[in-house]
Amino acid sequence: MPLNGIIAIAAALAIGLSTIGPGLGQGKAASSAMEAMGRQPEAAGEIRTSLILALAFMEALTIFGLLIAFMLVGNIN
């Protein structure tokens, strides 16, 4: 297999694998936050703030995977 093909596969894997984990984590975090807000509506503001912060950190992992994929695609001749 030529080197360009291997780099393209690596870029696809970088994007694919870097979105699976954060995607599942974001779903679990949002589900837990909605459940917590339902149980304690008076704490909804604090829960929402913590949720948004956690989602931002999880999304950063996905962006790092996208950055690595762009770097790999940039190496294709």
PDB file of N, CA and C in Angstrom:
ATOM      1  N   MET A   1       0.856  -1.173   0.000  1.00  0.00           N
ATOM      2  CA  MET A   1       0.000   0.000   0.000  1.00  0.00           C
ATOM      3  C   MET A   1       0.902   1.237   0.000  1.00  0.00           C
ATOM      4  N   PRO A   2       0.628   2.185  -0.849  1.00  0.00           N
ATOM      5  CA  PRO A   2       1.459   3.393  -0.893  1.00  0.00           C
ATOM      6  C   PRO A   2       1.327   4.197   0.399  1.00  0.00           C
ATOM      7  N   LEU A   3       2.335   5.014   0.642  1.00  0.00           N
ATOM      8  CA  LEU A   3       2.369   5.808   1.865  1.00  0.00           C
ATOM      9  C   LEU A   3       1.181   6.759   1.959  1.00  0.00           C
ATOM     10  N   ASN A   4       0.751   7.319   0.835  1.00  0.00           N
ATOM     11  CA  ASN A   4      -0.398   8.233   0.852  1.00  0.00           C
ATOM     12  C   ASN A   4      -1.661   7.541   1.345  1.00  0.00           C
ATOM     13  N   GLY A   5      -1.841   6.293   0.977  1.00  0.00           N
ATOM     14  CA  GLY A   5      -3.012   5.540   1.423  1.00  0.00           C
ATOM     15  C   GLY A   5      -2.990   5.293   2.920  1.00  0.00           C
ATOM     16  N   ILE A   6      -1.811   4.985   3.432  1.00  0.00           N
ATOM     17  CA  ILE A   6      -1.681   4.746   4.874  1.00  0.00           C
ATOM     18  C   ILE A   6      -1.952   6.029   5.649  1.00  0.00           C
ATOM     19  N   ILE A   7      -1.456   7.152   5.152  1.00  0.00           N
ATOM     20  CA  ILE A   7      -1.696   8.431   5.824  1.00  0.00           C
ATOM     21  C   ILE A   7      -3.175   8.780   5.791  1.00  0.00           C
ATOM     22  N   ALA A   8      -3.853   8.505   4.679  1.00  0.00           N
ATOM     23  CA  ALA A   8      -5.286   8.787   4.583  1.00  0.00           C
ATOM     24  C   ALA A   8      -6.082   7.932   5.562  1.00  0.00           C
ATOM     25  N   ILE A   9      -5.707   6.668   5.701  1.00  0.00           N
ATOM     26  CA  ILE A   9      -6.376   5.788   6.665  1.00  0.00           C
ATOM     27  C   ILE A   9      -6.124   6.274   8.087  1.00  0.00           C
ATOM     28  N   ALA A  10      -4.895   6.716   8.370  1.00  0.00           N
ATOM     29  CA  ALA A  10      -4.575   7.230   9.695  1.00  0.00           C
ATOM     30  C   ALA A  10      -5.393   8.476  10.017  1.00  0.00           C
ATOM     31  N   ALA A  11      -5.584   9.348   9.027  1.00  0.00           N
ATOM     32  CA  ALA A  11      -6.391  10.554   9.238  1.00  0.00           C
ATOM     33  C   ALA A  11      -7.849  10.182   9.523  1.00  0.00           C
ATOM     34  N   ALA A  12      -8.370   9.215   8.782  1.00  0.00           N
ATOM     35  CA  ALA A  12      -9.752   8.782   9.009  1.00  0.00           C
ATOM     36  C   ALA A  12      -9.906   8.161  10.387  1.00  0.00           C
ATOM     37  N   LEU A  13      -8.943   7.356  10.799  1.00  0.00           N
ATOM     38  CA  LEU A  13      -8.997   6.763  12.133  1.00  0.00           C
ATOM     39  C   LEU A  13      -8.867   7.819  13.223  1.00  0.00           C
ATOM     40  N   ALA A  14      -8.042   8.831  12.990  1.00  0.00           N
ATOM     41  CA  ALA A  14      -7.876   9.897  13.985  1.00  0.00           C
ATOM     42  C   ALA A  14      -9.192  10.616  14.223  1.00  0.00           C
ATOM     43  N   ILE A  15      -9.909  10.918  13.164  1.00  0.00           N
ATOM     44  CA  ILE A  15     -11.196  11.600  13.326  1.00  0.00           C
ATOM     45  C   ILE A  15     -12.239  10.656  13.926  1.00  0.00           C
ATOM     46  N   GLY A  16     -12.298   9.445  13.404  1.00  0.00           N
ATOM     47  CA  GLY A  16     -13.302   8.496  13.880  1.00  0.00           C
ATOM     48  C   GLY A  16     -13.141   8.146  15.346  1.00  0.00           C
ATOM     49  N   LEU A  17     -11.940   7.797  15.746  1.00  0.00           N
ATOM     50  CA  LEU A  17     -11.718   7.395  17.129  1.00  0.00           C
ATOM     51  C   LEU A  17     -11.793   8.567  18.099  1.00  0.00           C
ATOM     52  N   SER A  18     -11.427   9.741  17.631  1.00  0.00           N
ATOM     53  CA  SER A  18     -11.467  10.889  18.539  1.00  0.00           C
ATOM     54  C   SER A  18     -12.875  11.436  18.726  1.00  0.00           C
ATOM     55  N   THR A  19     -13.830  10.980  17.951  1.00  0.00           N
ATOM     56  CA  THR A  19     -15.209  11.435  18.143  1.00  0.00           C
ATOM     57  C   THR A  19     -16.072  10.419  18.887  1.00  0.00           C
ATOM     58  N   ILE A  20     -15.663   9.172  18.894  1.00  0.00           N
ATOM     59  CA  ILE A  20     -16.476   8.153  19.571  1.00  0.00           C
ATOM     60  C   ILE A  20     -16.516   8.384  21.080  1.00  0.00           C
ATOM     61  N   GLY A  21     -15.356   8.514  21.694  1.00  0.00           N
ATOM     62  CA  GLY A  21     -15.296   8.681  23.146  1.00  0.00           C
ATOM     63  C   GLY A  21     -15.989   9.936  23.635  1.00  0.00           C
ATOM     64  N   PRO A  22     -15.622  11.104  23.110  1.00  0.00           N
ATOM     65  CA  PRO A  22     -16.314  12.317  23.562  1.00  0.00           C
ATOM     66  C   PRO A  22     -17.812  12.318  23.254  1.00  0.00           C
ATOM     67  N   GLY A  23     -18.197  11.697  22.143  1.00  0.00           N
ATOM     68  CA  GLY A  23     -19.624  11.635  21.825  1.00  0.00           C
ATOM     69  C   GLY A  23     -20.398  10.836  22.856  1.00  0.00           C
ATOM     70  N   LEU A  24     -19.853   9.692  23.238  1.00  0.00           N
ATOM     71  CA  LEU A  24     -20.501   8.888  24.276  1.00  0.00           C
ATOM     72  C   LEU A  24     -20.466   9.600  25.623  1.00  0.00           C
ATOM     73  N   GLY A  25     -19.337  10.245  25.914  1.00  0.00           N
ATOM     74  CA  GLY A  25     -19.211  10.970  27.174  1.00  0.00           C
ATOM     75  C   GLY A  25     -20.174  12.146  27.268  1.00  0.00           C
ATOM     76  N   GLN A  26     -20.353  12.863  26.167  1.00  0.00           N
ATOM     77  CA  GLN A  26     -21.275  13.994  26.177  1.00  0.00           C
ATOM     78  C   GLN A  26     -22.712  13.531  26.375  1.00  0.00           C
ATOM     79  N   GLY A  27     -23.059  12.428  25.760  1.00  0.00           N
ATOM     80  CA  GLY A  27     -24.405  11.891  25.944  1.00  0.00           C
ATOM     81  C   GLY A  27     -24.654  11.477  27.382  1.00  0.00           C
ATOM     82  N   LYS A  28     -23.685  10.804  27.983  1.00  0.00           N
ATOM     83  CA  LYS A  28     -23.807  10.367  29.380  1.00  0.00           C
ATOM     84  C   LYS A  28     -23.859  11.572  30.317  1.00  0.00           C
ATOM     85  N   ALA A  29     -22.998  12.573  30.077  1.00  0.00           N
ATOM     86  CA  ALA A  29     -22.975  13.765  30.929  1.00  0.00           C
ATOM     87  C   ALA A  29     -24.292  14.529  30.837  1.00  0.00           C
ATOM     88  N   ALA A  30     -24.807  14.701  29.636  1.00  0.00           N
ATOM     89  CA  ALA A  30     -26.074  15.426  29.471  1.00  0.00           C
ATOM     90  C   ALA A  30     -27.224  14.665  30.119  1.00  0.00           C
ATOM     91  N   SER A  31     -27.230  13.351  29.971  1.00  0.00           N
ATOM     92  CA  SER A  31     -28.273  12.537  30.584  1.00  0.00           C
ATOM     93  C   SER A  31     -28.244  12.662  32.100  1.00  0.00           C
ATOM     94  N   SER A  32     -27.042  12.576  32.665  1.00  0.00           N
ATOM     95  CA  SER A  32     -26.914  12.688  34.120  1.00  0.00           C
ATOM     96  C   SER A  32     -27.284  14.082  34.608  1.00  0.00           C
ATOM     97  N   ALA A  33     -26.927  15.107  33.849  1.00  0.00           N
ATOM     98  CA  ALA A  33     -27.266  16.475  34.242  1.00  0.00           C
ATOM     99  C   ALA A  33     -28.775  16.690  34.204  1.00  0.00           C
ATOM    100  N   MET A  34     -29.443  16.179  33.183  1.00  0.00           N
ATOM    101  CA  MET A  34     -30.898  16.332  33.105  1.00  0.00           C
ATOM    102  C   MET A  34     -31.582  15.604  34.267  1.00  0.00           C
ATOM    103  N   GLU A  35     -31.060  14.428  34.599  1.00  0.00           N
ATOM    104  CA  GLU A  35     -31.617  13.686  35.732  1.00  0.00           C
ATOM    105  C   GLU A  35     -31.402  14.448  37.036  1.00  0.00           C
ATOM    106  N   ALA A  36     -30.210  15.013  37.213  1.00  0.00           N
ATOM    107  CA  ALA A  36     -29.917  15.781  38.425  1.00  0.00           C
ATOM    108  C   ALA A  36     -30.790  17.031  38.513  1.00  0.00           C
ATOM    109  N   MET A  37     -31.009  17.699  37.382  1.00  0.00           N
ATOM    110  CA  MET A  37     -31.873  18.891  37.392  1.00  0.00           C
ATOM    111  C   MET A  37     -33.321  18.518  37.704  1.00  0.00           C
ATOM    112  N   GLY A  38     -33.725  17.349  37.248  1.00  0.00           N
ATOM    113  CA  GLY A  38     -35.080  16.891  37.550  1.00  0.00           C
ATOM    114  C   GLY A  38     -35.255  16.575  39.022  1.00  0.00           C
ATOM    115  N   ARG A  39     -34.212  16.061  39.653  1.00  0.00           N
ATOM    116  CA  ARG A  39     -34.298  15.733  41.069  1.00  0.00           C
ATOM    117  C   ARG A  39     -34.147  16.958  41.958  1.00  0.00           C
ATOM    118  N   GLN A  40     -33.294  17.897  41.549  1.00  0.00           N
ATOM    119  CA  GLN A  40     -33.054  19.104  42.349  1.00  0.00           C
ATOM    120  C   GLN A  40     -33.146  20.339  41.456  1.00  0.00           C
ATOM    121  N   PRO A  41     -34.329  20.804  41.170  1.00  0.00           N
ATOM    122  CA  PRO A  41     -34.476  21.963  40.278  1.00  0.00           C
ATOM    123  C   PRO A  41     -33.802  23.230  40.810  1.00  0.00           C
ATOM    124  N   GLU A  42     -33.665  23.348  42.124  1.00  0.00           N
ATOM    125  CA  GLU A  42     -33.044  24.545  42.682  1.00  0.00           C
ATOM    126  C   GLU A  42     -31.547  24.617  42.397  1.00  0.00           C
ATOM    127  N   ALA A  43     -30.934  23.504  42.065  1.00  0.00           N
ATOM    128  CA  ALA A  43     -29.505  23.476  41.762  1.00  0.00           C
ATOM    129  C   ALA A  43     -29.242  23.486  40.259  1.00  0.00           C
ATOM    130  N   ALA A  44     -30.248  23.786  39.460  1.00  0.00           N
ATOM    131  CA  ALA A  44     -30.114  23.704  38.004  1.00  0.00           C
ATOM    132  C   ALA A  44     -29.034  24.633  37.461  1.00  0.00           C
ATOM    133  N   GLY A  45     -28.887  25.818  38.031  1.00  0.00           N
ATOM    134  CA  GLY A  45     -27.870  26.760  37.545  1.00  0.00           C
ATOM    135  C   GLY A  45     -26.459  26.226  37.724  1.00  0.00           C
ATOM    136  N   GLU A  46     -26.171  25.675  38.892  1.00  0.00           N
ATOM    137  CA  GLU A  46     -24.836  25.117  39.149  1.00  0.00           C
ATOM    138  C   GLU A  46     -24.573  23.889  38.292  1.00  0.00           C
ATOM    139  N   ILE A  47     -25.593  23.060  38.135  1.00  0.00           N
ATOM    140  CA  ILE A  47     -25.442  21.851  37.319  1.00  0.00           C
ATOM    141  C   ILE A  47     -25.201  22.233  35.864  1.00  0.00           C
ATOM    142  N   ARG A  48     -25.937  23.229  35.373  1.00  0.00           N
ATOM    143  CA  ARG A  48     -25.786  23.663  33.988  1.00  0.00           C
ATOM    144  C   ARG A  48     -24.375  24.203  33.735  1.00  0.00           C
ATOM    145  N   THR A  49     -23.863  24.996  34.681  1.00  0.00           N
ATOM    146  CA  THR A  49     -22.520  25.546  34.537  1.00  0.00           C
ATOM    147  C   THR A  49     -21.478  24.431  34.480  1.00  0.00           C
ATOM    148  N   SER A  50     -21.605  23.467  35.386  1.00  0.00           N
ATOM    149  CA  SER A  50     -20.669  22.340  35.394  1.00  0.00           C
ATOM    150  C   SER A  50     -20.776  21.515  34.117  1.00  0.00           C
ATOM    151  N   LEU A  51     -21.993  21.347  33.617  1.00  0.00           N
ATOM    152  CA  LEU A  51     -22.206  20.583  32.389  1.00  0.00           C
ATOM    153  C   LEU A  51     -21.543  21.272  31.201  1.00  0.00           C
ATOM    154  N   ILE A  52     -21.720  22.571  31.082  1.00  0.00           N
ATOM    155  CA  ILE A  52     -21.139  23.296  29.945  1.00  0.00           C
ATOM    156  C   ILE A  52     -19.620  23.228  29.989  1.00  0.00           C
ATOM    157  N   LEU A  53     -19.039  23.350  31.179  1.00  0.00           N
ATOM    158  CA  LEU A  53     -17.592  23.250  31.322  1.00  0.00           C
ATOM    159  C   LEU A  53     -17.103  21.854  30.939  1.00  0.00           C
ATOM    160  N   ALA A  54     -17.793  20.823  31.408  1.00  0.00           N
ATOM    161  CA  ALA A  54     -17.409  19.446  31.080  1.00  0.00           C
ATOM    162  C   ALA A  54     -17.545  19.174  29.582  1.00  0.00           C
ATOM    163  N   LEU A  55     -18.608  19.682  28.962  1.00  0.00           N
ATOM    164  CA  LEU A  55     -18.790  19.484  27.525  1.00  0.00           C
ATOM    165  C   LEU A  55     -17.696  20.184  26.728  1.00  0.00           C
ATOM    166  N   ALA A  56     -17.249  21.339  27.200  1.00  0.00           N
ATOM    167  CA  ALA A  56     -16.170  22.048  26.505  1.00  0.00           C
ATOM    168  C   ALA A  56     -14.882  21.243  26.548  1.00  0.00           C
ATOM    169  N   PHE A  57     -14.579  20.640  27.699  1.00  0.00           N
ATOM    170  CA  PHE A  57     -13.366  19.818  27.794  1.00  0.00           C
ATOM    171  C   PHE A  57     -13.464  18.584  26.899  1.00  0.00           C
ATOM    172  N   MET A  58     -14.641  17.969  26.838  1.00  0.00           N
ATOM    173  CA  MET A  58     -14.808  16.795  25.980  1.00  0.00           C
ATOM    174  C   MET A  58     -14.701  17.177  24.506  1.00  0.00           C
ATOM    175  N   GLU A  59     -15.244  18.312  24.155  1.00  0.00           N
ATOM    176  CA  GLU A  59     -15.185  18.757  22.761  1.00  0.00           C
ATOM    177  C   GLU A  59     -13.760  19.087  22.346  1.00  0.00           C
ATOM    178  N   ALA A  60     -12.939  19.523  23.297  1.00  0.00           N
ATOM    179  CA  ALA A  60     -11.535  19.820  22.998  1.00  0.00           C
ATOM    180  C   ALA A  60     -10.817  18.559  22.521  1.00  0.00           C
ATOM    181  N   LEU A  61     -11.157  17.410  23.085  1.00  0.00           N
ATOM    182  CA  LEU A  61     -10.539  16.159  22.645  1.00  0.00           C
ATOM    183  C   LEU A  61     -10.862  15.875  21.177  1.00  0.00           C
ATOM    184  N   THR A  62     -12.087  16.143  20.783  1.00  0.00           N
ATOM    185  CA  THR A  62     -12.483  15.941  19.395  1.00  0.00           C
ATOM    186  C   THR A  62     -11.738  16.902  18.475  1.00  0.00           C
ATOM    187  N   ILE A  63     -11.580  18.130  18.911  1.00  0.00           N
ATOM    188  CA  ILE A  63     -10.867  19.122  18.097  1.00  0.00           C
ATOM    189  C   ILE A  63      -9.399  18.733  17.936  1.00  0.00           C
ATOM    190  N   PHE A  64      -8.796  18.159  18.977  1.00  0.00           N
ATOM    191  CA  PHE A  64      -7.410  17.690  18.860  1.00  0.00           C
ATOM    192  C   PHE A  64      -7.306  16.584  17.815  1.00  0.00           C
ATOM    193  N   GLY A  65      -8.278  15.679  17.780  1.00  0.00           N
ATOM    194  CA  GLY A  65      -8.280  14.633  16.768  1.00  0.00           C
ATOM    195  C   GLY A  65      -8.413  15.196  15.367  1.00  0.00           C
ATOM    196  N   LEU A  66      -9.247  16.214  15.210  1.00  0.00           N
ATOM    197  CA  LEU A  66      -9.396  16.868  13.915  1.00  0.00           C
ATOM    198  C   LEU A  66      -8.098  17.552  13.508  1.00  0.00           C
ATOM    199  N   LEU A  67      -7.430  18.191  14.449  1.00  0.00           N
ATOM    200  CA  LEU A  67      -6.150  18.838  14.171  1.00  0.00           C
ATOM    201  C   LEU A  67      -5.106  17.825  13.712  1.00  0.00           C
ATOM    202  N   ILE A  68      -5.042  16.691  14.374  1.00  0.00           N
ATOM    203  CA  ILE A  68      -4.093  15.651  13.968  1.00  0.00           C
ATOM    204  C   ILE A  68      -4.428  15.145  12.573  1.00  0.00           C
ATOM    205  N   ALA A  69      -5.720  14.981  12.267  1.00  0.00           N
ATOM    206  CA  ALA A  69      -6.113  14.529  10.935  1.00  0.00           C
ATOM    207  C   ALA A  69      -5.690  15.540   9.874  1.00  0.00           C
ATOM    208  N   PHE A  70      -5.860  16.836  10.153  1.00  0.00           N
ATOM    209  CA  PHE A  70      -5.419  17.862   9.201  1.00  0.00           C
ATOM    210  C   PHE A  70      -3.905  17.808   9.003  1.00  0.00           C
ATOM    211  N   MET A  71      -3.182  17.582  10.074  1.00  0.00           N
ATOM    212  CA  MET A  71      -1.727  17.491   9.966  1.00  0.00           C
ATOM    213  C   MET A  71      -1.324  16.281   9.123  1.00  0.00           C
ATOM    214  N   LEU A  72      -2.026  15.168   9.294  1.00  0.00           N
ATOM    215  CA  LEU A  72      -1.716  13.974   8.493  1.00  0.00           C
ATOM    216  C   LEU A  72      -2.051  14.194   7.028  1.00  0.00           C
ATOM    217  N   VAL A  73      -3.191  14.791   6.751  1.00  0.00           N
ATOM    218  CA  VAL A  73      -3.588  15.036   5.363  1.00  0.00           C
ATOM    219  C   VAL A  73      -2.618  16.025   4.710  1.00  0.00           C
ATOM    220  N   GLY A  74      -2.067  16.939   5.485  1.00  0.00           N
ATOM    221  CA  GLY A  74      -1.094  17.875   4.942  1.00  0.00           C
ATOM    222  C   GLY A  74       0.193  17.199   4.501  1.00  0.00           C
ATOM    223  N   ASN A  75       0.438  15.984   5.005  1.00  0.00           N
ATOM    224  CA  ASN A  75       1.659  15.250   4.615  1.00  0.00           C
ATOM    225  C   ASN A  75       1.475  14.431   3.334  1.00  0.00           C
ATOM    226  N   ILE A  76       0.263  14.354   2.816  1.00  0.00           N
ATOM    227  CA  ILE A  76       0.030  13.602   1.583  1.00  0.00           C
ATOM    228  C   ILE A  76       0.556  14.436   0.410  1.00  0.00           C
ATOM    229  N   ASN A  77       1.343  13.811  -0.417  1.00  0.00           N
ATOM    230  CA  ASN A  77       1.950  14.516  -1.569  1.00  0.00           C
ATOM    231  C   ASN A  77       0.983  14.567  -2.731  1.00  0.00           C
TER     232      ASN A  77
END
